[in-house]
Amino acid sequence: MASLVTMARELRRNVTLRQIRPTALELSAEVIGNTATQSGKPGAYFLTPVVRYSIDGKRYETEIANASFGRPADVGSSMTVLVSPDHPYSPMDPYGGLGGTLRGAIVTAVLSTLLLAWQIALL
């Protein structure tokens, strides 16, 4: 069930990324930290980079809207972000940082379905 929720969340983020891409600004952002959120598994967390960037002289510091990793992003490193001028506090990783999570959720859902079908067939 958790993998289905993850798949739905990732699909929504990928749709959002495709929607903003045509009008988004591509910027270089500095990683200034990481935010940890529980992944749904005991003791496991997703780490979301917190970045700093400027648009027209105004500085923004916020989390990447679509990127979570199993390990922290290196503080002080830079990464490319896409920022919609309409939503400057929602930068996105153009390379789909959560793509790996989506692939993992899909694989987990497929394997779970296959195991369930196999168990039913053995009855």
PDB file of N, CA and C in Angstrom:
ATOM      1  N   MET A   1       0.819  -1.191   0.000  1.00  0.00           N
ATOM      2  CA  MET A   1       0.000   0.000   0.000  1.00  0.00           C
ATOM      3  C   MET A   1       0.866   1.259   0.000  1.00  0.00           C
ATOM      4  N   ALA A   2       1.940   1.249   0.804  1.00  0.00           N
ATOM      5  CA  ALA A   2       2.826   2.413   0.862  1.00  0.00           C
ATOM      6  C   ALA A   2       3.454   2.688  -0.497  1.00  0.00           C
ATOM      7  N   SER A   3       3.769   1.612  -1.241  1.00  0.00           N
ATOM      8  CA  SER A   3       4.377   1.826  -2.557  1.00  0.00           C
ATOM      9  C   SER A   3       3.384   2.466  -3.519  1.00  0.00           C
ATOM     10  N   LEU A   4       2.093   2.173  -3.388  1.00  0.00           N
ATOM     11  CA  LEU A   4       1.086   2.807  -4.241  1.00  0.00           C
ATOM     12  C   LEU A   4       0.970   4.294  -3.931  1.00  0.00           C
ATOM     13  N   VAL A   5       1.048   4.650  -2.665  1.00  0.00           N
ATOM     14  CA  VAL A   5       1.009   6.059  -2.275  1.00  0.00           C
ATOM     15  C   VAL A   5       2.237   6.773  -2.825  1.00  0.00           C
ATOM     16  N   THR A   6       3.396   6.134  -2.710  1.00  0.00           N
ATOM     17  CA  THR A   6       4.627   6.718  -3.237  1.00  0.00           C
ATOM     18  C   THR A   6       4.536   6.898  -4.743  1.00  0.00           C
ATOM     19  N   MET A   7       4.013   5.900  -5.451  1.00  0.00           N
ATOM     20  CA  MET A   7       3.862   6.010  -6.906  1.00  0.00           C
ATOM     21  C   MET A   7       2.959   7.178  -7.266  1.00  0.00           C
ATOM     22  N   ALA A   8       1.848   7.321  -6.581  1.00  0.00           N
ATOM     23  CA  ALA A   8       0.914   8.413  -6.882  1.00  0.00           C
ATOM     24  C   ALA A   8       1.570   9.768  -6.642  1.00  0.00           C
ATOM     25  N   ARG A   9       2.297   9.881  -5.533  1.00  0.00           N
ATOM     26  CA  ARG A   9       2.976  11.142  -5.215  1.00  0.00           C
ATOM     27  C   ARG A   9       4.028  11.476  -6.266  1.00  0.00           C
ATOM     28  N   GLU A  10       4.801  10.482  -6.679  1.00  0.00           N
ATOM     29  CA  GLU A  10       5.855  10.711  -7.662  1.00  0.00           C
ATOM     30  C   GLU A  10       5.288  11.035  -9.039  1.00  0.00           C
ATOM     31  N   LEU A  11       4.212  10.377  -9.419  1.00  0.00           N
ATOM     32  CA  LEU A  11       3.585  10.688 -10.702  1.00  0.00           C
ATOM     33  C   LEU A  11       3.082  12.126 -10.714  1.00  0.00           C
ATOM     34  N   ARG A  12       2.495  12.565  -9.609  1.00  0.00           N
ATOM     35  CA  ARG A  12       2.021  13.949  -9.516  1.00  0.00           C
ATOM     36  C   ARG A  12       3.180  14.932  -9.644  1.00  0.00           C
ATOM     37  N   ARG A  13       4.299  14.638  -8.988  1.00  0.00           N
ATOM     38  CA  ARG A  13       5.467  15.523  -9.069  1.00  0.00           C
ATOM     39  C   ARG A  13       6.047  15.555 -10.479  1.00  0.00           C
ATOM     40  N   ASN A  14       6.053  14.410 -11.157  1.00  0.00           N
ATOM     41  CA  ASN A  14       6.559  14.377 -12.527  1.00  0.00           C
ATOM     42  C   ASN A  14       5.668  15.178 -13.463  1.00  0.00           C
ATOM     43  N   VAL A  15       4.358  15.133 -13.252  1.00  0.00           N
ATOM     44  CA  VAL A  15       3.431  15.939 -14.061  1.00  0.00           C
ATOM     45  C   VAL A  15       3.696  17.423 -13.815  1.00  0.00           C
ATOM     46  N   THR A  16       3.882  17.804 -12.561  1.00  0.00           N
ATOM     47  CA  THR A  16       4.175  19.201 -12.232  1.00  0.00           C
ATOM     48  C   THR A  16       5.460  19.655 -12.902  1.00  0.00           C
ATOM     49  N   LEU A  17       6.491  18.816 -12.878  1.00  0.00           N
ATOM     50  CA  LEU A  17       7.762  19.155 -13.516  1.00  0.00           C
ATOM     51  C   LEU A  17       7.565  19.394 -15.007  1.00  0.00           C
ATOM     52  N   ARG A  18       6.802  18.544 -15.665  1.00  0.00           N
ATOM     53  CA  ARG A  18       6.544  18.716 -17.101  1.00  0.00           C
ATOM     54  C   ARG A  18       5.760  19.995 -17.381  1.00  0.00           C
ATOM     55  N   GLN A  19       4.873  20.374 -16.470  1.00  0.00           N
ATOM     56  CA  GLN A  19       4.074  21.585 -16.666  1.00  0.00           C
ATOM     57  C   GLN A  19       4.906  22.854 -16.546  1.00  0.00           C
ATOM     58  N   ILE A  20       5.839  22.895 -15.593  1.00  0.00           N
ATOM     59  CA  ILE A  20       6.612  24.127 -15.409  1.00  0.00           C
ATOM     60  C   ILE A  20       7.801  24.228 -16.350  1.00  0.00           C
ATOM     61  N   ARG A  21       8.268  23.120 -16.886  1.00  0.00           N
ATOM     62  CA  ARG A  21       9.496  23.115 -17.688  1.00  0.00           C
ATOM     63  C   ARG A  21       9.514  24.166 -18.805  1.00  0.00           C
ATOM     64  N   PRO A  22       8.445  24.362 -19.592  1.00  0.00           N
ATOM     65  CA  PRO A  22       8.520  25.317 -20.703  1.00  0.00           C
ATOM     66  C   PRO A  22       8.786  26.771 -20.281  1.00  0.00           C
ATOM     67  N   THR A  23       8.312  27.186 -19.118  1.00  0.00           N
ATOM     68  CA  THR A  23       8.458  28.584 -18.705  1.00  0.00           C
ATOM     69  C   THR A  23       9.416  28.763 -17.535  1.00  0.00           C
ATOM     70  N   ALA A  24       9.982  27.688 -17.028  1.00  0.00           N
ATOM     71  CA  ALA A  24      10.820  27.759 -15.833  1.00  0.00           C
ATOM     72  C   ALA A  24      12.190  28.359 -16.131  1.00  0.00           C
ATOM     73  N   LEU A  25      12.753  28.971 -15.101  1.00  0.00           N
ATOM     74  CA  LEU A  25      14.121  29.464 -15.155  1.00  0.00           C
ATOM     75  C   LEU A  25      15.038  28.332 -14.714  1.00  0.00           C
ATOM     76  N   GLU A  26      16.131  28.122 -15.421  1.00  0.00           N
ATOM     77  CA  GLU A  26      17.118  27.116 -15.011  1.00  0.00           C
ATOM     78  C   GLU A  26      18.226  27.850 -14.273  1.00  0.00           C
ATOM     79  N   LEU A  27      18.402  27.515 -12.999  1.00  0.00           N
ATOM     80  CA  LEU A  27      19.341  28.221 -12.138  1.00  0.00           C
ATOM     81  C   LEU A  27      20.300  27.258 -11.462  1.00  0.00           C
ATOM     82  N   SER A  28      21.425  27.799 -11.035  1.00  0.00           N
ATOM     83  CA  SER A  28      22.351  27.042 -10.203  1.00  0.00           C
ATOM     84  C   SER A  28      22.041  27.411  -8.754  1.00  0.00           C
ATOM     85  N   ALA A  29      21.829  26.404  -7.925  1.00  0.00           N
ATOM     86  CA  ALA A  29      21.490  26.633  -6.517  1.00  0.00           C
ATOM     87  C   ALA A  29      22.542  25.983  -5.633  1.00  0.00           C
ATOM     88  N   GLU A  30      22.806  26.604  -4.499  1.00  0.00           N
ATOM     89  CA  GLU A  30      23.748  26.060  -3.528  1.00  0.00           C
ATOM     90  C   GLU A  30      22.983  25.229  -2.503  1.00  0.00           C
ATOM     91  N   VAL A  31      23.464  24.021  -2.235  1.00  0.00           N
ATOM     92  CA  VAL A  31      22.858  23.174  -1.201  1.00  0.00           C
ATOM     93  C   VAL A  31      23.319  23.702   0.155  1.00  0.00           C
ATOM     94  N   ILE A  32      22.351  24.086   1.008  1.00  0.00           N
ATOM     95  CA  ILE A  32      22.699  24.644   2.319  1.00  0.00           C
ATOM     96  C   ILE A  32      22.292  23.728   3.467  1.00  0.00           C
ATOM     97  N   GLY A  33      21.656  22.608   3.145  1.00  0.00           N
ATOM     98  CA  GLY A  33      21.254  21.666   4.181  1.00  0.00           C
ATOM     99  C   GLY A  33      20.368  20.577   3.617  1.00  0.00           C
ATOM    100  N   ASN A  34      19.866  19.739   4.510  1.00  0.00           N
ATOM    101  CA  ASN A  34      18.966  18.645   4.144  1.00  0.00           C
ATOM    102  C   ASN A  34      17.870  18.551   5.194  1.00  0.00           C
ATOM    103  N   THR A  35      16.654  18.297   4.756  1.00  0.00           N
ATOM    104  CA  THR A  35      15.532  18.104   5.663  1.00  0.00           C
ATOM    105  C   THR A  35      15.160  16.625   5.652  1.00  0.00           C
ATOM    106  N   ALA A  36      15.002  16.040   6.839  1.00  0.00           N
ATOM    107  CA  ALA A  36      14.645  14.622   6.940  1.00  0.00           C
ATOM    108  C   ALA A  36      13.152  14.472   7.210  1.00  0.00           C
ATOM    109  N   THR A  37      12.514  13.589   6.451  1.00  0.00           N
ATOM    110  CA  THR A  37      11.114  13.233   6.699  1.00  0.00           C
ATOM    111  C   THR A  37      11.013  11.716   6.729  1.00  0.00           C
ATOM    112  N   GLN A  38      10.139  11.197   7.569  1.00  0.00           N
ATOM    113  CA  GLN A  38      10.010   9.744   7.684  1.00  0.00           C
ATOM    114  C   GLN A  38       9.517   9.152   6.374  1.00  0.00           C
ATOM    115  N   SER A  39      10.055   7.983   6.039  1.00  0.00           N
ATOM    116  CA  SER A  39       9.707   7.338   4.772  1.00  0.00           C
ATOM    117  C   SER A  39       8.540   6.370   4.900  1.00  0.00           C
ATOM    118  N   GLY A  40       8.095   6.110   6.100  1.00  0.00           N
ATOM    119  CA  GLY A  40       7.032   5.133   6.300  1.00  0.00           C
ATOM    120  C   GLY A  40       7.570   3.828   6.851  1.00  0.00           C
ATOM    121  N   LYS A  41       8.873   3.631   6.757  1.00  0.00           N
ATOM    122  CA  LYS A  41       9.513   2.454   7.342  1.00  0.00           C
ATOM    123  C   LYS A  41      10.170   2.882   8.649  1.00  0.00           C
ATOM    124  N   PRO A  42      10.092   2.057   9.683  1.00  0.00           N
ATOM    125  CA  PRO A  42      10.688   2.415  10.968  1.00  0.00           C
ATOM    126  C   PRO A  42      12.182   2.728  10.829  1.00  0.00           C
ATOM    127  N   GLY A  43      12.576   3.900  11.294  1.00  0.00           N
ATOM    128  CA  GLY A  43      13.974   4.295  11.286  1.00  0.00           C
ATOM    129  C   GLY A  43      14.504   4.753   9.939  1.00  0.00           C
ATOM    130  N   ALA A  44      13.669   4.797   8.911  1.00  0.00           N
ATOM    131  CA  ALA A  44      14.122   5.212   7.580  1.00  0.00           C
ATOM    132  C   ALA A  44      13.580   6.605   7.256  1.00  0.00           C
ATOM    133  N   TYR A  45      14.396   7.390   6.573  1.00  0.00           N
ATOM    134  CA  TYR A  45      14.026   8.762   6.253  1.00  0.00           C
ATOM    135  C   TYR A  45      14.351   9.092   4.805  1.00  0.00           C
ATOM    136  N   PHE A  46      13.585  10.033   4.250  1.00  0.00           N
ATOM    137  CA  PHE A  46      13.932  10.657   2.982  1.00  0.00           C
ATOM    138  C   PHE A  46      14.648  11.953   3.333  1.00  0.00           C
ATOM    139  N   LEU A  47      15.696  12.271   2.604  1.00  0.00           N
ATOM    140  CA  LEU A  47      16.415  13.518   2.818  1.00  0.00           C
ATOM    141  C   LEU A  47      16.175  14.424   1.619  1.00  0.00           C
ATOM    142  N   THR A  48      15.677  15.608   1.883  1.00  0.00           N
ATOM    143  CA  THR A  48      15.368  16.566   0.830  1.00  0.00           C
ATOM    144  C   THR A  48      16.345  17.729   0.921  1.00  0.00           C
ATOM    145  N   PRO A  49      17.069  18.013  -0.167  1.00  0.00           N
ATOM    146  CA  PRO A  49      18.014  19.130  -0.137  1.00  0.00           C
ATOM    147  C   PRO A  49      17.310  20.473   0.067  1.00  0.00           C
ATOM    148  N   VAL A  50      17.932  21.312   0.867  1.00  0.00           N
ATOM    149  CA  VAL A  50      17.505  22.702   1.036  1.00  0.00           C
ATOM    150  C   VAL A  50      18.517  23.537   0.262  1.00  0.00           C
ATOM    151  N   VAL A  51      18.021  24.390  -0.628  1.00  0.00           N
ATOM    152  CA  VAL A  51      18.914  25.141  -1.514  1.00  0.00           C
ATOM    153  C   VAL A  51      18.702  26.644  -1.383  1.00  0.00           C
ATOM    154  N   ARG A  52      19.722  27.386  -1.849  1.00  0.00           N
ATOM    155  CA  ARG A  52      19.668  28.849  -1.890  1.00  0.00           C
ATOM    156  C   ARG A  52      19.957  29.271  -3.323  1.00  0.00           C
ATOM    157  N   TYR A  53      19.145  30.197  -3.826  1.00  0.00           N
ATOM    158  CA  TYR A  53      19.346  30.720  -5.178  1.00  0.00           C
ATOM    159  C   TYR A  53      18.761  32.126  -5.236  1.00  0.00           C
ATOM    160  N   SER A  54      19.091  32.854  -6.288  1.00  0.00           N
ATOM    161  CA  SER A  54      18.597  34.222  -6.452  1.00  0.00           C
ATOM    162  C   SER A  54      17.890  34.380  -7.782  1.00  0.00           C
ATOM    163  N   ILE A  55      16.810  35.159  -7.759  1.00  0.00           N
ATOM    164  CA  ILE A  55      16.086  35.532  -8.972  1.00  0.00           C
ATOM    165  C   ILE A  55      15.919  37.045  -8.929  1.00  0.00           C
ATOM    166  N   ASP A  56      16.449  37.718  -9.935  1.00  0.00           N
ATOM    167  CA  ASP A  56      16.350  39.183 -10.023  1.00  0.00           C
ATOM    168  C   ASP A  56      16.788  39.864  -8.732  1.00  0.00           C
ATOM    169  N   GLY A  57      17.881  39.380  -8.150  1.00  0.00           N
ATOM    170  CA  GLY A  57      18.437  39.988  -6.953  1.00  0.00           C
ATOM    171  C   GLY A  57      17.771  39.582  -5.645  1.00  0.00           C
ATOM    172  N   LYS A  58      16.698  38.835  -5.708  1.00  0.00           N
ATOM    173  CA  LYS A  58      16.027  38.375  -4.486  1.00  0.00           C
ATOM    174  C   LYS A  58      16.487  36.959  -4.169  1.00  0.00           C
ATOM    175  N   ARG A  59      16.867  36.742  -2.907  1.00  0.00           N
ATOM    176  CA  ARG A  59      17.390  35.445  -2.479  1.00  0.00           C
ATOM    177  C   ARG A  59      16.265  34.569  -1.936  1.00  0.00           C
ATOM    178  N   TYR A  60      16.308  33.292  -2.320  1.00  0.00           N
ATOM    179  CA  TYR A  60      15.322  32.309  -1.859  1.00  0.00           C
ATOM    180  C   TYR A  60      16.062  31.150  -1.204  1.00  0.00           C
ATOM    181  N   GLU A  61      15.520  30.642  -0.110  1.00  0.00           N
ATOM    182  CA  GLU A  61      16.040  29.446   0.554  1.00  0.00           C
ATOM    183  C   GLU A  61      14.856  28.529   0.811  1.00  0.00           C
ATOM    184  N   THR A  62      14.882  27.343   0.218  1.00  0.00           N
ATOM    185  CA  THR A  62      13.748  26.426   0.346  1.00  0.00           C
ATOM    186  C   THR A  62      14.157  25.014  -0.052  1.00  0.00           C
ATOM    187  N   GLU A  63      13.274  24.054   0.226  1.00  0.00           N
ATOM    188  CA  GLU A  63      13.519  22.659  -0.149  1.00  0.00           C
ATOM    189  C   GLU A  63      13.235  22.452  -1.633  1.00  0.00           C
ATOM    190  N   ILE A  64      13.915  21.480  -2.216  1.00  0.00           N
ATOM    191  CA  ILE A  64      13.615  21.068  -3.579  1.00  0.00           C
ATOM    192  C   ILE A  64      12.259  20.365  -3.536  1.00  0.00           C
ATOM    193  N   ALA A  65      11.359  20.739  -4.426  1.00  0.00           N
ATOM    194  CA  ALA A  65       9.989  20.215  -4.382  1.00  0.00           C
ATOM    195  C   ALA A  65       9.877  18.757  -4.815  1.00  0.00           C
ATOM    196  N   ASN A  66      10.815  18.266  -5.617  1.00  0.00           N
ATOM    197  CA  ASN A  66      10.660  16.908  -6.148  1.00  0.00           C
ATOM    198  C   ASN A  66      11.892  16.037  -5.957  1.00  0.00           C
ATOM    199  N   ALA A  67      12.738  16.363  -4.995  1.00  0.00           N
ATOM    200  CA  ALA A  67      13.959  15.577  -4.835  1.00  0.00           C
ATOM    201  C   ALA A  67      14.125  15.099  -3.407  1.00  0.00           C
ATOM    202  N   SER A  68      14.176  13.808  -3.239  1.00  0.00           N
ATOM    203  CA  SER A  68      14.485  13.201  -1.951  1.00  0.00           C
ATOM    204  C   SER A  68      15.484  12.093  -2.203  1.00  0.00           C
ATOM    205  N   PHE A  69      16.430  11.968  -1.321  1.00  0.00           N
ATOM    206  CA  PHE A  69      17.487  10.993  -1.497  1.00  0.00           C
ATOM    207  C   PHE A  69      17.643  10.168  -0.228  1.00  0.00           C
ATOM    208  N   GLY A  70      18.261   9.034  -0.355  1.00  0.00           N
ATOM    209  CA  GLY A  70      18.536   8.191   0.793  1.00  0.00           C
ATOM    210  C   GLY A  70      19.741   8.661   1.573  1.00  0.00           C
ATOM    211  N   ARG A  71      20.579   9.459   0.924  1.00  0.00           N
ATOM    212  CA  ARG A  71      21.753   9.999   1.613  1.00  0.00           C
ATOM    213  C   ARG A  71      21.743  11.509   1.428  1.00  0.00           C
ATOM    214  N   PRO A  72      22.402  12.233   2.322  1.00  0.00           N
ATOM    215  CA  PRO A  72      22.330  13.689   2.236  1.00  0.00           C
ATOM    216  C   PRO A  72      23.059  14.245   1.014  1.00  0.00           C
ATOM    217  N   ALA A  73      22.518  15.331   0.468  1.00  0.00           N
ATOM    218  CA  ALA A  73      23.230  16.074  -0.566  1.00  0.00           C
ATOM    219  C   ALA A  73      24.363  16.812   0.138  1.00  0.00           C
ATOM    220  N   ASP A  74      25.485  16.951  -0.525  1.00  0.00           N
ATOM    221  CA  ASP A  74      26.646  17.595   0.087  1.00  0.00           C
ATOM    222  C   ASP A  74      26.395  19.088   0.282  1.00  0.00           C
ATOM    223  N   VAL A  75      26.448  19.532   1.538  1.00  0.00           N
ATOM    224  CA  VAL A  75      26.280  20.949   1.841  1.00  0.00           C
ATOM    225  C   VAL A  75      27.436  21.713   1.202  1.00  0.00           C
ATOM    226  N   GLY A  76      27.103  22.807   0.532  1.00  0.00           N
ATOM    227  CA  GLY A  76      28.105  23.607  -0.164  1.00  0.00           C
ATOM    228  C   GLY A  76      28.221  23.273  -1.639  1.00  0.00           C
ATOM    229  N   SER A  77      27.661  22.132  -2.037  1.00  0.00           N
ATOM    230  CA  SER A  77      27.702  21.768  -3.455  1.00  0.00           C
ATOM    231  C   SER A  77      26.621  22.544  -4.198  1.00  0.00           C
ATOM    232  N   SER A  78      26.679  22.492  -5.517  1.00  0.00           N
ATOM    233  CA  SER A  78      25.651  23.186  -6.290  1.00  0.00           C
ATOM    234  C   SER A  78      24.853  22.167  -7.088  1.00  0.00           C
ATOM    235  N   MET A  79      23.641  22.546  -7.413  1.00  0.00           N
ATOM    236  CA  MET A  79      22.799  21.702  -8.247  1.00  0.00           C
ATOM    237  C   MET A  79      21.937  22.603  -9.123  1.00  0.00           C
ATOM    238  N   THR A  80      21.562  22.077 -10.270  1.00  0.00           N
ATOM    239  CA  THR A  80      20.695  22.808 -11.180  1.00  0.00           C
ATOM    240  C   THR A  80      19.251  22.633 -10.733  1.00  0.00           C
ATOM    241  N   VAL A  81      18.509  23.736 -10.710  1.00  0.00           N
ATOM    242  CA  VAL A  81      17.093  23.682 -10.362  1.00  0.00           C
ATOM    243  C   VAL A  81      16.282  24.414 -11.428  1.00  0.00           C
ATOM    244  N   LEU A  82      15.040  24.007 -11.566  1.00  0.00           N
ATOM    245  CA  LEU A  82      14.078  24.721 -12.403  1.00  0.00           C
ATOM    246  C   LEU A  82      13.119  25.438 -11.474  1.00  0.00           C
ATOM    247  N   VAL A  83      12.900  26.723 -11.737  1.00  0.00           N
ATOM    248  CA  VAL A  83      12.025  27.517 -10.882  1.00  0.00           C
ATOM    249  C   VAL A  83      10.991  28.220 -11.752  1.00  0.00           C
ATOM    250  N   SER A  84       9.739  28.007 -11.439  1.00  0.00           N
ATOM    251  CA  SER A  84       8.663  28.710 -12.127  1.00  0.00           C
ATOM    252  C   SER A  84       8.609  30.138 -11.594  1.00  0.00           C
ATOM    253  N   PRO A  85       8.586  31.135 -12.472  1.00  0.00           N
ATOM    254  CA  PRO A  85       8.477  32.515 -11.991  1.00  0.00           C
ATOM    255  C   PRO A  85       7.218  32.743 -11.145  1.00  0.00           C
ATOM    256  N   ASP A  86       6.178  31.953 -11.384  1.00  0.00           N
ATOM    257  CA  ASP A  86       4.938  32.077 -10.611  1.00  0.00           C
ATOM    258  C   ASP A  86       5.033  31.449  -9.223  1.00  0.00           C
ATOM    259  N   HIS A  87       5.977  30.523  -9.038  1.00  0.00           N
ATOM    260  CA  HIS A  87       6.129  29.808  -7.766  1.00  0.00           C
ATOM    261  C   HIS A  87       7.613  29.716  -7.403  1.00  0.00           C
ATOM    262  N   PRO A  88       8.239  30.848  -7.042  1.00  0.00           N
ATOM    263  CA  PRO A  88       9.690  30.838  -6.803  1.00  0.00           C
ATOM    264  C   PRO A  88      10.126  30.027  -5.585  1.00  0.00           C
ATOM    265  N   TYR A  89       9.191  29.682  -4.690  1.00  0.00           N
ATOM    266  CA  TYR A  89       9.550  28.883  -3.519  1.00  0.00           C
ATOM    267  C   TYR A  89       9.354  27.388  -3.747  1.00  0.00           C
ATOM    268  N   SER A  90       9.183  26.970  -4.990  1.00  0.00           N
ATOM    269  CA  SER A  90       9.028  25.543  -5.308  1.00  0.00           C
ATOM    270  C   SER A  90      10.002  25.121  -6.400  1.00  0.00           C
ATOM    271  N   PRO A  91      11.317  25.196  -6.119  1.00  0.00           N
ATOM    272  CA  PRO A  91      12.280  24.770  -7.133  1.00  0.00           C
ATOM    273  C   PRO A  91      12.196  23.260  -7.346  1.00  0.00           C
ATOM    274  N   MET A  92      12.492  22.834  -8.558  1.00  0.00           N
ATOM    275  CA  MET A  92      12.424  21.406  -8.871  1.00  0.00           C
ATOM    276  C   MET A  92      13.744  20.939  -9.468  1.00  0.00           C
ATOM    277  N   ASP A  93      14.083  19.704  -9.176  1.00  0.00           N
ATOM    278  CA  ASP A  93      15.259  19.066  -9.753  1.00  0.00           C
ATOM    279  C   ASP A  93      14.900  18.654 -11.182  1.00  0.00           C
ATOM    280  N   PRO A  94      15.539  19.239 -12.206  1.00  0.00           N
ATOM    281  CA  PRO A  94      15.169  18.905 -13.589  1.00  0.00           C
ATOM    282  C   PRO A  94      15.501  17.477 -13.973  1.00  0.00           C
ATOM    283  N   TYR A  95      16.343  16.843 -13.167  1.00  0.00           N
ATOM    284  CA  TYR A  95      16.737  15.467 -13.463  1.00  0.00           C
ATOM    285  C   TYR A  95      15.893  14.470 -12.691  1.00  0.00           C
ATOM    286  N   GLY A  96      14.848  14.956 -12.024  1.00  0.00           N
ATOM    287  CA  GLY A  96      13.898  14.070 -11.342  1.00  0.00           C
ATOM    288  C   GLY A  96      14.515  13.291 -10.212  1.00  0.00           C
ATOM    289  N   GLY A  97      14.988  13.992  -9.186  1.00  0.00           N
ATOM    290  CA  GLY A  97      15.632  13.333  -8.065  1.00  0.00           C
ATOM    291  C   GLY A  97      14.843  12.195  -7.470  1.00  0.00           C
ATOM    292  N   LEU A  98      13.539  12.219  -7.586  1.00  0.00           N
ATOM    293  CA  LEU A  98      12.723  11.152  -7.028  1.00  0.00           C
ATOM    294  C   LEU A  98      12.416  10.065  -8.030  1.00  0.00           C
ATOM    295  N   GLY A  99      12.970  10.169  -9.220  1.00  0.00           N
ATOM    296  CA  GLY A  99      12.726   9.130 -10.210  1.00  0.00           C
ATOM    297  C   GLY A  99      13.101   7.755  -9.696  1.00  0.00           C
ATOM    298  N   GLY A 100      14.190   7.687  -8.923  1.00  0.00           N
ATOM    299  CA  GLY A 100      14.602   6.412  -8.354  1.00  0.00           C
ATOM    300  C   GLY A 100      13.574   5.879  -7.376  1.00  0.00           C
ATOM    301  N   THR A 101      12.962   6.781  -6.611  1.00  0.00           N
ATOM    302  CA  THR A 101      11.920   6.370  -5.679  1.00  0.00           C
ATOM    303  C   THR A 101      10.714   5.839  -6.427  1.00  0.00           C
ATOM    304  N   LEU A 102      10.355   6.511  -7.514  1.00  0.00           N
ATOM    305  CA  LEU A 102       9.221   6.060  -8.320  1.00  0.00           C
ATOM    306  C   LEU A 102       9.503   4.687  -8.916  1.00  0.00           C
ATOM    307  N   ARG A 103      10.694   4.506  -9.468  1.00  0.00           N
ATOM    308  CA  ARG A 103      11.049   3.192 -10.027  1.00  0.00           C
ATOM    309  C   ARG A 103      11.005   2.122  -8.947  1.00  0.00           C
ATOM    310  N   GLY A 104      11.534   2.441  -7.769  1.00  0.00           N
ATOM    311  CA  GLY A 104      11.515   1.482  -6.671  1.00  0.00           C
ATOM    312  C   GLY A 104      10.104   1.128  -6.239  1.00  0.00           C
ATOM    313  N   ALA A 105       9.225   2.125  -6.197  1.00  0.00           N
ATOM    314  CA  ALA A 105       7.832   1.874  -5.815  1.00  0.00           C
ATOM    315  C   ALA A 105       7.133   1.007  -6.849  1.00  0.00           C
ATOM    316  N   ILE A 106       7.407   1.250  -8.127  1.00  0.00           N
ATOM    317  CA  ILE A 106       6.795   0.442  -9.187  1.00  0.00           C
ATOM    318  C   ILE A 106       7.281  -0.997  -9.101  1.00  0.00           C
ATOM    319  N   VAL A 107       8.581  -1.180  -8.925  1.00  0.00           N
ATOM    320  CA  VAL A 107       9.135  -2.536  -8.816  1.00  0.00           C
ATOM    321  C   VAL A 107       8.540  -3.252  -7.610  1.00  0.00           C
ATOM    322  N   THR A 108       8.440  -2.557  -6.481  1.00  0.00           N
ATOM    323  CA  THR A 108       7.859  -3.159  -5.281  1.00  0.00           C
ATOM    324  C   THR A 108       6.408  -3.560  -5.510  1.00  0.00           C
ATOM    325  N   ALA A 109       5.631  -2.689  -6.151  1.00  0.00           N
ATOM    326  CA  ALA A 109       4.224  -3.003  -6.425  1.00  0.00           C
ATOM    327  C   ALA A 109       4.098  -4.203  -7.355  1.00  0.00           C
ATOM    328  N   VAL A 110       4.932  -4.262  -8.392  1.00  0.00           N
ATOM    329  CA  VAL A 110       4.884  -5.387  -9.338  1.00  0.00           C
ATOM    330  C   VAL A 110       5.272  -6.685  -8.638  1.00  0.00           C
ATOM    331  N   LEU A 111       6.355  -6.655  -7.864  1.00  0.00           N
ATOM    332  CA  LEU A 111       6.786  -7.864  -7.152  1.00  0.00           C
ATOM    333  C   LEU A 111       5.736  -8.317  -6.139  1.00  0.00           C
ATOM    334  N   SER A 112       5.131  -7.370  -5.438  1.00  0.00           N
ATOM    335  CA  SER A 112       4.082  -7.728  -4.475  1.00  0.00           C
ATOM    336  C   SER A 112       2.899  -8.385  -5.170  1.00  0.00           C
ATOM    337  N   THR A 113       2.514  -7.850  -6.317  1.00  0.00           N
ATOM    338  CA  THR A 113       1.406  -8.425  -7.086  1.00  0.00           C
ATOM    339  C   THR A 113       1.749  -9.825  -7.568  1.00  0.00           C
ATOM    340  N   LEU A 114       2.968 -10.003  -8.057  1.00  0.00           N
ATOM    341  CA  LEU A 114       3.393 -11.331  -8.525  1.00  0.00           C
ATOM    342  C   LEU A 114       3.426 -12.340  -7.382  1.00  0.00           C
ATOM    343  N   LEU A 115       3.932 -11.923  -6.226  1.00  0.00           N
ATOM    344  CA  LEU A 115       3.961 -12.828  -5.071  1.00  0.00           C
ATOM    345  C   LEU A 115       2.552 -13.187  -4.613  1.00  0.00           C
ATOM    346  N   LEU A 116       1.652 -12.221  -4.623  1.00  0.00           N
ATOM    347  CA  LEU A 116       0.265 -12.492  -4.254  1.00  0.00           C
ATOM    348  C   LEU A 116      -0.367 -13.481  -5.232  1.00  0.00           C
ATOM    349  N   ALA A 117      -0.153 -13.269  -6.523  1.00  0.00           N
ATOM    350  CA  ALA A 117      -0.704 -14.179  -7.539  1.00  0.00           C
ATOM    351  C   ALA A 117      -0.124 -15.582  -7.373  1.00  0.00           C
ATOM    352  N   TRP A 118       1.156 -15.666  -7.060  1.00  0.00           N
ATOM    353  CA  TRP A 118       1.810 -16.965  -6.867  1.00  0.00           C
ATOM    354  C   TRP A 118       1.217 -17.677  -5.653  1.00  0.00           C
ATOM    355  N   GLN A 119       1.015 -16.928  -4.559  1.00  0.00           N
ATOM    356  CA  GLN A 119       0.430 -17.517  -3.356  1.00  0.00           C
ATOM    357  C   GLN A 119      -0.994 -18.005  -3.619  1.00  0.00           C
ATOM    358  N   ILE A 120      -1.762 -17.245  -4.371  1.00  0.00           N
ATOM    359  CA  ILE A 120      -3.128 -17.658  -4.714  1.00  0.00           C
ATOM    360  C   ILE A 120      -3.096 -18.907  -5.582  1.00  0.00           C
ATOM    361  N   ALA A 121      -2.153 -18.973  -6.510  1.00  0.00           N
ATOM    362  CA  ALA A 121      -2.040 -20.136  -7.399  1.00  0.00           C
ATOM    363  C   ALA A 121      -1.663 -21.395  -6.623  1.00  0.00           C
ATOM    364  N   LEU A 122      -0.916 -21.244  -5.540  1.00  0.00           N
ATOM    365  CA  LEU A 122      -0.500 -22.394  -4.736  1.00  0.00           C
ATOM    366  C   LEU A 122      -1.633 -22.936  -3.871  1.00  0.00           C
ATOM    367  N   LEU A 123      -2.688 -22.166  -3.677  1.00  0.00           N
ATOM    368  CA  LEU A 123      -3.808 -22.625  -2.839  1.00  0.00           C
ATOM    369  C   LEU A 123      -4.539 -23.701  -3.500  1.00  0.00           C
TER     370      LEU A 123
END
